[in-house]
């Protein structure tokens, strides 16, 4: 496969693994970060070492105006994307009675509003390519079943799944597939150390997942063999759900 794929939140963790896996599969990558520019530049350099092109965009996915400005300018200069992976996310856990408005809003803006903020500027250019395309959103097992202390995160990820399914219907006749990957407990910086031991009790496979395992599924969904898969939520969770 070839073409350019935007991967939001790709300076670290699952997003970094996805960007590198897609580069290894033959895609050029638009690396994205909000604040960690040095780390994003490092990811881009490693992609170039794999023989693919890479560039870095820096903006906050929760900022609608910043998203539109950055993405419209990038598309005007380089052309429409073949694929987009909406991976950028944020967790601010707290018991619901103690949860602040800022904790609620920050998580919803980053995990749900970003669906519109990122995909709205890029969708019409993808349609106008008149070629197949791919969109993958990254949700969470929390959006499937809910999780204690994560009313904000669970709500946002559940909403993301619904938005993904709705967009899939709209874009199906354009041969642009839209799917959602819902990871379980993945061994990344986002998983607090204090919850790891307790988390093992919830996982039938008795281990954490790896970012590479999530990236492998995303790479499959971006490929030709997944051309008839759309409007699906696919879990990577070791049997939790």
Protein backbone atom coordinates (compact mmCIF):
# COMPACT_ATOMS: atom_id res chain seq x y z
CA UNK A 1 0.00 0.00 0.00
CA UNK A 2 0.97 3.62 -0.42
CA UNK A 3 -0.45 7.03 0.36
CA UNK A 4 -0.27 9.46 3.24
CA UNK A 5 -1.81 8.77 6.63
CA UNK A 6 -2.34 11.30 9.42
CA UNK A 7 -1.95 9.77 12.89
CA UNK A 8 -2.99 12.10 15.70
CA UNK A 9 -1.24 11.78 19.03
CA UNK A 10 1.66 9.94 17.42
CA UNK A 11 4.60 11.30 19.42
CA UNK A 12 4.36 8.48 21.99
CA UNK A 13 2.49 5.38 23.12
CA UNK A 14 -0.06 3.70 20.88
CA UNK A 15 0.05 6.52 18.34
CA UNK A 16 3.81 6.23 17.96
CA UNK A 17 3.52 2.47 17.46
CA UNK A 18 0.80 2.98 14.86
CA UNK A 19 2.83 5.57 12.94
CA UNK A 20 5.91 3.35 12.81
CA UNK A 21 3.91 0.24 11.88
CA UNK A 22 2.18 2.06 9.04
CA UNK A 23 5.49 3.44 7.79
CA UNK A 24 6.88 -0.10 7.75
CA UNK A 25 3.83 -1.10 5.69
CA UNK A 26 4.67 1.51 3.05
CA UNK A 27 2.72 4.62 4.01
CA UNK A 28 4.01 8.16 4.32
CA UNK A 29 3.06 9.58 7.71
CA UNK A 30 1.91 12.91 9.07
CA UNK A 31 3.05 12.75 12.68
CA UNK A 32 1.03 14.85 15.11
CA UNK A 33 1.67 16.21 18.58
CA UNK A 34 0.16 18.78 20.90
CA UNK A 35 3.19 19.67 23.04
CA UNK A 36 5.93 17.04 22.63
CA UNK A 37 7.51 18.43 19.47
CA UNK A 38 10.95 16.91 20.12
CA UNK A 39 9.43 13.45 20.51
CA UNK A 40 7.34 13.92 17.38
CA UNK A 41 10.42 14.98 15.42
CA UNK A 42 12.18 11.83 16.64
CA UNK A 43 9.30 9.65 15.43
CA UNK A 44 9.40 11.40 12.06
CA UNK A 45 13.13 10.79 11.80
CA UNK A 46 12.65 7.08 12.49
CA UNK A 47 9.98 6.94 9.81
CA UNK A 48 12.36 8.50 7.31
CA UNK A 49 14.95 5.88 8.29
CA UNK A 50 12.41 3.29 7.12
CA UNK A 51 12.43 4.92 3.70
CA UNK A 52 9.12 6.75 3.99
CA UNK A 53 8.31 10.45 4.03
CA UNK A 54 7.24 12.10 7.27
CA UNK A 55 6.31 15.56 8.45
CA UNK A 56 5.09 16.89 11.79
CA UNK A 57 1.98 18.93 12.57
CA UNK A 58 1.56 20.48 16.00
CA UNK A 59 -1.86 21.54 17.30
CA UNK A 60 -4.38 20.75 20.03
CA UNK A 61 -7.11 18.41 18.75
CA UNK A 62 -9.50 20.04 21.23
CA UNK A 63 -9.03 23.41 19.50
CA UNK A 64 -11.34 23.47 16.48
CA UNK A 65 -9.79 26.52 14.88
CA UNK A 66 -6.25 25.24 15.28
CA UNK A 67 -7.20 21.89 13.75
CA UNK A 68 -8.82 23.49 10.73
CA UNK A 69 -5.96 25.91 10.14
CA UNK A 70 -3.23 23.27 10.37
CA UNK A 71 -5.00 20.56 8.39
CA UNK A 72 -6.34 22.78 5.63
CA UNK A 73 -2.88 24.28 5.11
CA UNK A 74 -1.23 20.85 5.04
CA UNK A 75 -3.74 19.48 2.54
CA UNK A 76 -3.41 22.58 0.36
CA UNK A 77 0.34 22.03 0.18
CA UNK A 78 0.58 18.24 0.03
CA UNK A 79 -2.81 16.95 -1.09
CA UNK A 80 -5.55 14.92 0.57
CA UNK A 81 -4.79 12.02 2.87
CA UNK A 82 -5.40 8.38 2.04
CA UNK A 83 -6.09 7.65 5.69
CA UNK A 84 -6.56 9.18 9.11
CA UNK A 85 -6.07 7.53 12.50
CA UNK A 86 -7.74 9.53 15.27
CA UNK A 87 -5.66 8.39 18.22
CA UNK A 88 -5.01 11.45 20.39
CA UNK A 89 -6.62 11.02 23.78
CA UNK A 90 -6.69 12.25 27.36
CA UNK A 91 -7.75 10.73 30.69
CA UNK A 92 -8.57 12.67 33.87
CA UNK A 93 -9.97 10.06 36.24
CA UNK A 94 -11.99 10.94 39.33
CA UNK A 95 -15.02 9.67 41.21
CA UNK A 96 -18.04 11.33 39.65
CA UNK A 97 -19.16 13.27 42.77
CA UNK A 98 -15.68 14.79 42.97
CA UNK A 99 -15.18 15.30 39.24
CA UNK A 100 -14.68 18.93 38.27
CA UNK A 101 -16.18 20.60 35.25
CA UNK A 102 -12.69 21.07 33.91
CA UNK A 103 -11.98 17.33 34.19
CA UNK A 104 -15.19 16.53 32.36
CA UNK A 105 -14.77 19.13 29.64
CA UNK A 106 -11.09 18.45 29.02
CA UNK A 107 -11.66 14.75 28.44
CA UNK A 108 -14.77 15.20 26.29
CA UNK A 109 -13.16 17.93 24.18
CA UNK A 110 -10.04 15.84 23.52
CA UNK A 111 -11.62 12.42 23.07
CA UNK A 112 -14.95 13.22 21.42
CA UNK A 113 -15.00 16.76 20.03
CA UNK A 114 -11.70 15.98 18.29
CA UNK A 115 -13.60 13.58 16.03
CA UNK A 116 -15.27 16.59 14.43
CA UNK A 117 -12.30 18.92 14.80
CA UNK A 118 -9.89 16.60 12.98
CA UNK A 119 -12.11 14.77 10.51
CA UNK A 120 -14.30 17.64 9.31
CA UNK A 121 -11.45 19.49 7.53
CA UNK A 122 -10.09 16.31 5.92
CA UNK A 123 -13.20 14.37 4.88
CA UNK A 124 -14.24 16.34 1.80
CA UNK A 125 -10.69 16.33 0.37
CA UNK A 126 -10.65 12.54 0.90
CA UNK A 127 -13.95 12.24 -0.97
CA UNK A 128 -12.68 14.45 -3.79
CA UNK A 129 -9.73 12.08 -4.35
CA UNK A 130 -12.31 9.66 -5.81
CA UNK A 131 -10.21 6.79 -4.53
CA UNK A 132 -10.55 4.38 -1.61
CA UNK A 133 -9.65 5.75 1.81
CA UNK A 134 -9.48 4.69 5.42
CA UNK A 135 -10.44 6.26 8.75
CA UNK A 136 -9.75 4.52 12.06
CA UNK A 137 -10.67 5.94 15.44
CA UNK A 138 -9.13 4.72 18.68
CA UNK A 139 -11.66 4.33 21.49
CA UNK A 140 -11.41 2.17 24.62
CA UNK A 141 -12.94 -0.75 26.46
CA UNK A 142 -14.20 1.95 28.84
CA UNK A 143 -16.55 3.14 26.13
CA UNK A 144 -17.99 -0.35 25.80
CA UNK A 145 -18.63 -1.21 29.44
CA UNK A 146 -17.91 1.90 31.52
CA UNK A 147 -15.27 2.06 34.21
CA UNK A 148 -15.19 3.29 37.79
CA UNK A 149 -13.82 6.82 38.03
CA UNK A 150 -14.07 7.34 34.27
CA UNK A 151 -17.56 8.71 33.64
CA UNK A 152 -16.01 11.42 31.48
CA UNK A 153 -13.70 9.08 29.56
CA UNK A 154 -16.34 6.36 29.15
CA UNK A 155 -18.89 8.86 27.86
CA UNK A 156 -16.46 10.37 25.38
CA UNK A 157 -15.27 7.03 24.04
CA UNK A 158 -18.82 5.67 23.74
CA UNK A 159 -19.74 8.80 21.80
CA UNK A 160 -16.70 8.30 19.59
CA UNK A 161 -17.92 4.82 18.70
CA UNK A 162 -21.33 6.17 17.74
CA UNK A 163 -19.86 8.94 15.63
CA UNK A 164 -17.59 6.44 13.89
CA UNK A 165 -20.51 4.20 12.95
CA UNK A 166 -22.55 7.14 11.65
CA UNK A 167 -19.72 8.46 9.49
CA UNK A 168 -19.11 4.96 8.14
CA UNK A 169 -22.62 4.92 6.68
CA UNK A 170 -22.10 8.30 5.00
CA UNK A 171 -18.76 7.40 3.43
CA UNK A 172 -19.40 3.76 2.48
CA UNK A 173 -20.50 4.55 -1.08
CA UNK A 174 -17.29 6.55 -1.50
CA UNK A 175 -15.19 3.46 -0.71
CA UNK A 176 -13.87 5.15 2.43
CA UNK A 177 -14.09 2.74 5.33
CA UNK A 178 -14.53 4.01 8.88
CA UNK A 179 -13.82 1.70 11.81
CA UNK A 180 -13.07 1.92 15.50
CA UNK A 181 -10.44 0.04 17.50
CA UNK A 182 -11.19 -0.28 21.22
CA UNK A 183 -8.06 -1.21 23.19
CA UNK A 184 -8.24 -2.67 26.66
CA UNK A 185 -5.42 -2.22 29.16
CA UNK A 186 -2.32 -1.48 27.12
CA UNK A 187 1.20 -1.16 28.51
CA UNK A 188 1.86 2.54 27.86
CA UNK A 189 2.71 5.66 29.84
CA UNK A 190 -1.03 6.41 30.04
CA UNK A 191 -1.64 3.40 32.33
CA UNK A 192 -0.80 4.35 35.93
CA UNK A 193 1.60 2.00 37.73
CA UNK A 194 -0.69 1.68 40.74
CA UNK A 195 -3.51 0.10 38.72
CA UNK A 196 -1.45 -2.47 36.84
CA UNK A 197 -1.53 -5.27 39.41
CA UNK A 198 -5.25 -4.87 40.02
CA UNK A 199 -5.84 -4.66 36.29
CA UNK A 200 -4.37 -8.12 35.74
CA UNK A 201 -7.29 -9.62 37.67
CA UNK A 202 -9.70 -8.24 35.07
CA UNK A 203 -7.93 -9.72 32.05
CA UNK A 204 -8.50 -13.40 31.19
CA UNK A 205 -5.14 -13.53 29.41
CA UNK A 206 -3.44 -12.25 32.59
CA UNK A 207 -1.24 -9.73 30.84
CA UNK A 208 -1.35 -6.23 29.47
CA UNK A 209 -1.61 -5.68 25.76
CA UNK A 210 1.14 -4.00 23.80
CA UNK A 211 0.98 -0.93 21.62
CA UNK A 212 2.33 -3.08 18.79
CA UNK A 213 -0.71 -5.35 19.02
CA UNK A 214 -3.04 -2.39 18.60
CA UNK A 215 -0.90 -1.03 15.77
CA UNK A 216 -1.07 -4.36 13.94
CA UNK A 217 -4.86 -4.23 13.84
CA UNK A 218 -4.86 -0.62 12.68
CA UNK A 219 -2.42 -1.49 9.89
CA UNK A 220 -4.72 -4.29 8.75
CA UNK A 221 -7.72 -1.95 8.68
CA UNK A 222 -5.74 0.51 6.56
CA UNK A 223 -4.88 -2.17 4.01
CA UNK A 224 -6.53 -3.54 0.88
CA UNK A 225 -7.64 -6.76 2.58
CA UNK A 226 -9.92 -4.73 4.88
CA UNK A 227 -11.74 -2.99 2.03
CA UNK A 228 -15.09 -4.62 2.93
CA UNK A 229 -14.83 -3.92 6.66
CA UNK A 230 -16.56 -0.75 7.79
CA UNK A 231 -18.77 0.52 10.65
CA UNK A 232 -17.15 -1.91 13.09
CA UNK A 233 -15.84 -1.58 16.64
CA UNK A 234 -13.05 -4.12 17.10
CA UNK A 235 -11.66 -4.78 20.57
CA UNK A 236 -8.07 -5.56 21.51
CA UNK A 237 -8.46 -6.41 25.18
CA UNK A 238 -7.27 -9.91 26.06
CA UNK A 239 -10.82 -11.12 26.63
CA UNK A 240 -11.98 -8.41 29.05
CA UNK A 241 -15.23 -7.96 27.12
